[in-house]
C-alpha atoms as a PDB file:
ATOM      1  CA  MET A   1     -29.131  77.141  55.216  1.00  0.00           C
ATOM      2  CA  LYS A   2     -32.347  76.675  53.073  1.00  0.00           C
ATOM      3  CA  VAL A   3     -35.454  74.491  53.786  1.00  0.00           C
ATOM      4  CA  ASP A   4     -36.466  73.264  50.345  1.00  0.00           C
ATOM      5  CA  ARG A   5     -40.051  74.057  49.358  1.00  0.00           C
ATOM      6  CA  SER A   6     -40.971  70.514  48.732  1.00  0.00           C
ATOM      7  CA  PHE A   7     -40.830  70.044  52.720  1.00  0.00           C
ATOM      8  CA  VAL A   8     -42.214  73.391  53.384  1.00  0.00           C
ATOM      9  CA  ASP A   9     -45.493  72.350  51.264  1.00  0.00           C
ATOM     10  CA  GLY A  10     -46.143  69.562  53.289  1.00  0.00           C
ATOM     11  CA  LEU A  11     -46.018  71.461  56.938  1.00  0.00           C
ATOM     12  CA  GLY A  12     -49.088  70.792  59.117  1.00  0.00           C
ATOM     13  CA  ASN A  13     -50.292  67.997  56.678  1.00  0.00           C
ATOM     14  CA  ASP A  14     -47.352  65.357  56.487  1.00  0.00           C
ATOM     15  CA  PRO A  15     -45.730  64.571  59.593  1.00  0.00           C
ATOM     16  CA  GLU A  16     -42.683  63.396  57.844  1.00  0.00           C
ATOM     17  CA  ASP A  17     -42.019  66.666  56.349  1.00  0.00           C
ATOM     18  CA  SER A  18     -42.705  68.680  59.322  1.00  0.00           C
ATOM     19  CA  ALA A  19     -40.071  66.539  61.129  1.00  0.00           C
ATOM     20  CA  ILE A  20     -37.715  66.871  58.389  1.00  0.00           C
ATOM     21  CA  VAL A  21     -38.212  70.981  58.546  1.00  0.00           C
ATOM     22  CA  ALA A  22     -37.560  70.675  62.450  1.00  0.00           C
ATOM     23  CA  ALA A  23     -34.360  68.642  61.996  1.00  0.00           C
ATOM     24  CA  VAL A  24     -32.988  71.093  59.188  1.00  0.00           C
ATOM     25  CA  ILE A  25     -33.966  74.093  61.352  1.00  0.00           C
ATOM     26  CA  ASN A  26     -32.149  72.661  64.465  1.00  0.00           C
ATOM     27  CA  LEU A  27     -29.202  71.352  62.631  1.00  0.00           C
ATOM     28  CA  GLY A  28     -28.864  74.858  60.907  1.00  0.00           C
ATOM     29  CA  HIS A  29     -28.876  76.401  64.350  1.00  0.00           C
ATOM     30  CA  THR A  30     -26.588  74.160  65.966  1.00  0.00           C
ATOM     31  CA  LEU A  31     -24.039  75.141  63.147  1.00  0.00           C
ATOM     32  CA  GLY A  32     -24.788  78.687  63.867  1.00  0.00           C
ATOM     33  CA  LEU A  33     -26.484  79.190  60.509  1.00  0.00           C
ATOM     34  CA  THR A  34     -29.370  81.280  59.749  1.00  0.00           C
ATOM     35  CA  VAL A  35     -32.298  79.045  58.304  1.00  0.00           C
ATOM     36  CA  VAL A  36     -34.576  80.221  55.260  1.00  0.00           C
ATOM     37  CA  ALA A  37     -37.503  78.392  54.196  1.00  0.00           C
ATOM     38  CA  GLU A  38     -38.406  78.433  50.606  1.00  0.00           C
ATOM     39  CA  GLY A  39     -41.709  78.525  48.844  1.00  0.00           C
ATOM     40  CA  VAL A  40     -43.837  79.590  51.749  1.00  0.00           C
ATOM     41  CA  GLU A  41     -47.579  80.254  50.319  1.00  0.00           C
ATOM     42  CA  THR A  42     -49.687  80.272  52.926  1.00  0.00           C
ATOM     43  CA  GLU A  43     -50.039  81.961  56.628  1.00  0.00           C
ATOM     44  CA  ASP A  44     -50.461  78.388  58.154  1.00  0.00           C
ATOM     45  CA  GLN A  45     -47.077  77.456  56.744  1.00  0.00           C
ATOM     46  CA  LEU A  46     -45.429  80.560  57.823  1.00  0.00           C
ATOM     47  CA  ALA A  47     -47.216  79.950  61.495  1.00  0.00           C
ATOM     48  CA  GLU A  48     -45.708  76.464  61.661  1.00  0.00           C
ATOM     49  CA  LEU A  49     -42.156  77.743  60.250  1.00  0.00           C
ATOM     50  CA  VAL A  50     -42.178  80.472  63.284  1.00  0.00           C
ATOM     51  CA  ALA A  51     -43.382  77.844  65.690  1.00  0.00           C
ATOM     52  CA  LEU A  52     -40.270  75.619  64.684  1.00  0.00           C
ATOM     53  CA  GLY A  53     -37.980  78.520  64.996  1.00  0.00           C
ATOM     54  CA  CYS A  54     -37.098  79.240  61.296  1.00  0.00           C
ATOM     55  CA  ASP A  55     -35.305  82.448  60.852  1.00  0.00           C
ATOM     56  CA  GLN A  56     -36.474  83.695  57.464  1.00  0.00           C
ATOM     57  CA  ALA A  57     -38.797  82.806  54.880  1.00  0.00           C
ATOM     58  CA  GLN A  58     -39.349  83.414  51.071  1.00  0.00           C
ATOM     59  CA  GLY A  59     -42.182  82.753  48.766  1.00  0.00           C
ATOM     60  CA  PHE A  60     -45.588  83.757  47.119  1.00  0.00           C
ATOM     61  CA  LEU A  61     -46.822  84.807  50.504  1.00  0.00           C
ATOM     62  CA  PHE A  62     -44.632  87.520  50.446  1.00  0.00           C
ATOM     63  CA  ALA A  63     -44.509  88.634  46.972  1.00  0.00           C
ATOM     64  CA  ARG A  64     -45.038  87.292  43.542  1.00  0.00           C
ATOM     65  CA  PRO A  65     -42.144  87.004  40.655  1.00  0.00           C
ATOM     66  CA  ARG A  66     -42.060  90.277  38.833  1.00  0.00           C
ATOM     67  CA  PRO A  67     -39.884  91.394  35.683  1.00  0.00           C
ATOM     68  CA  ALA A  68     -36.525  92.992  36.497  1.00  0.00           C
ATOM     69  CA  ALA A  69     -37.734  96.283  34.826  1.00  0.00           C
ATOM     70  CA  ASP A  70     -40.265  96.534  37.973  1.00  0.00           C
ATOM     71  CA  LEU A  71     -37.677  96.303  40.596  1.00  0.00           C
ATOM     72  CA  THR A  72     -36.955 100.012  41.117  1.00  0.00           C
ATOM     73  CA  GLU A  73     -40.511 100.555  41.529  1.00  0.00           C
ATOM     74  CA  VAL A  74     -41.079  97.774  43.744  1.00  0.00           C
ATOM     75  CA  LEU A  75     -38.089  98.950  46.074  1.00  0.00           C
ATOM     76  CA  GLU A  76     -39.255 102.503  46.330  1.00  0.00           C
ATOM     77  CA  THR A  77     -42.849 101.763  46.917  1.00  0.00           C
ATOM     78  CA  ARG A  78     -42.098  99.100  49.387  1.00  0.00           C
ATOM     79  CA  GLU A  79     -44.654  96.660  47.723  1.00  0.00           C
ATOM     80  CA  TRP A  80     -42.139  93.829  48.684  1.00  0.00           C
ATOM     81  CA  ARG A  81     -42.785  94.202  52.259  1.00  0.00           C
ATOM     82  CA  PRO A  82     -44.508  91.050  53.645  1.00  0.00           C
ATOM     83  CA  ARG A  83     -48.098  90.987  54.563  1.00  0.00           C
ATOM     84  CA  CYS A  84     -47.415  89.500  57.993  1.00  0.00           C
ATOM     85  CA  THR A  85     -44.974  90.242  60.778  1.00  0.00           C
ATOM     86  CA  TRP A  86     -42.004  87.878  61.393  1.00  0.00           C
ATOM     87  CA  PRO A  87     -41.275  87.538  65.215  1.00  0.00           C
ATOM     88  CA  SER A  88     -38.075  89.108  66.699  1.00  0.00           C
ATOM     89  CA  THR A  89     -35.193  86.874  66.939  1.00  0.00           C
ATOM     90  CA  ALA A  90     -33.498  88.782  69.604  1.00  0.00           C
ATOM     91  CA  GLY A  91     -31.808  86.717  72.236  1.00  0.00           C
ATOM     92  CA  ARG A  92     -31.358  83.905  70.317  1.00  0.00           C
ATOM     93  CA  GLU A  93     -28.022  81.944  70.336  1.00  0.00           C
ATOM     94  CA  HIS A  94     -27.764  81.591  66.478  1.00  0.00           C
ATOM     95  CA  PRO A  95     -27.383  84.366  64.077  1.00  0.00           C
ATOM     96  CA  ALA A  96     -30.489  85.882  62.431  1.00  0.00           C
ATOM     97  CA  THR A  97     -30.147  88.317  59.818  1.00  0.00           C
END
């Protein structure tokens, strides 16, 4: 299940966005789904998502878009790896891949 970037953008600034993100994460976990947040651009957004129990994230914080021709080089050099550490999800009742 994905959390739309429009809600991720307001994390920490807009209480309604934070409540919506928390609700989507809880709903996804209740349904046994992995939850992915879209459009993560800042460390603060990532920290909030981690605190809320989000399983995965994607966005400019991790990597900028690149041409398809660059894909092989990116994968071989591991440039796509995030500049931060995602917490372990071991022991959770929902799947995290």
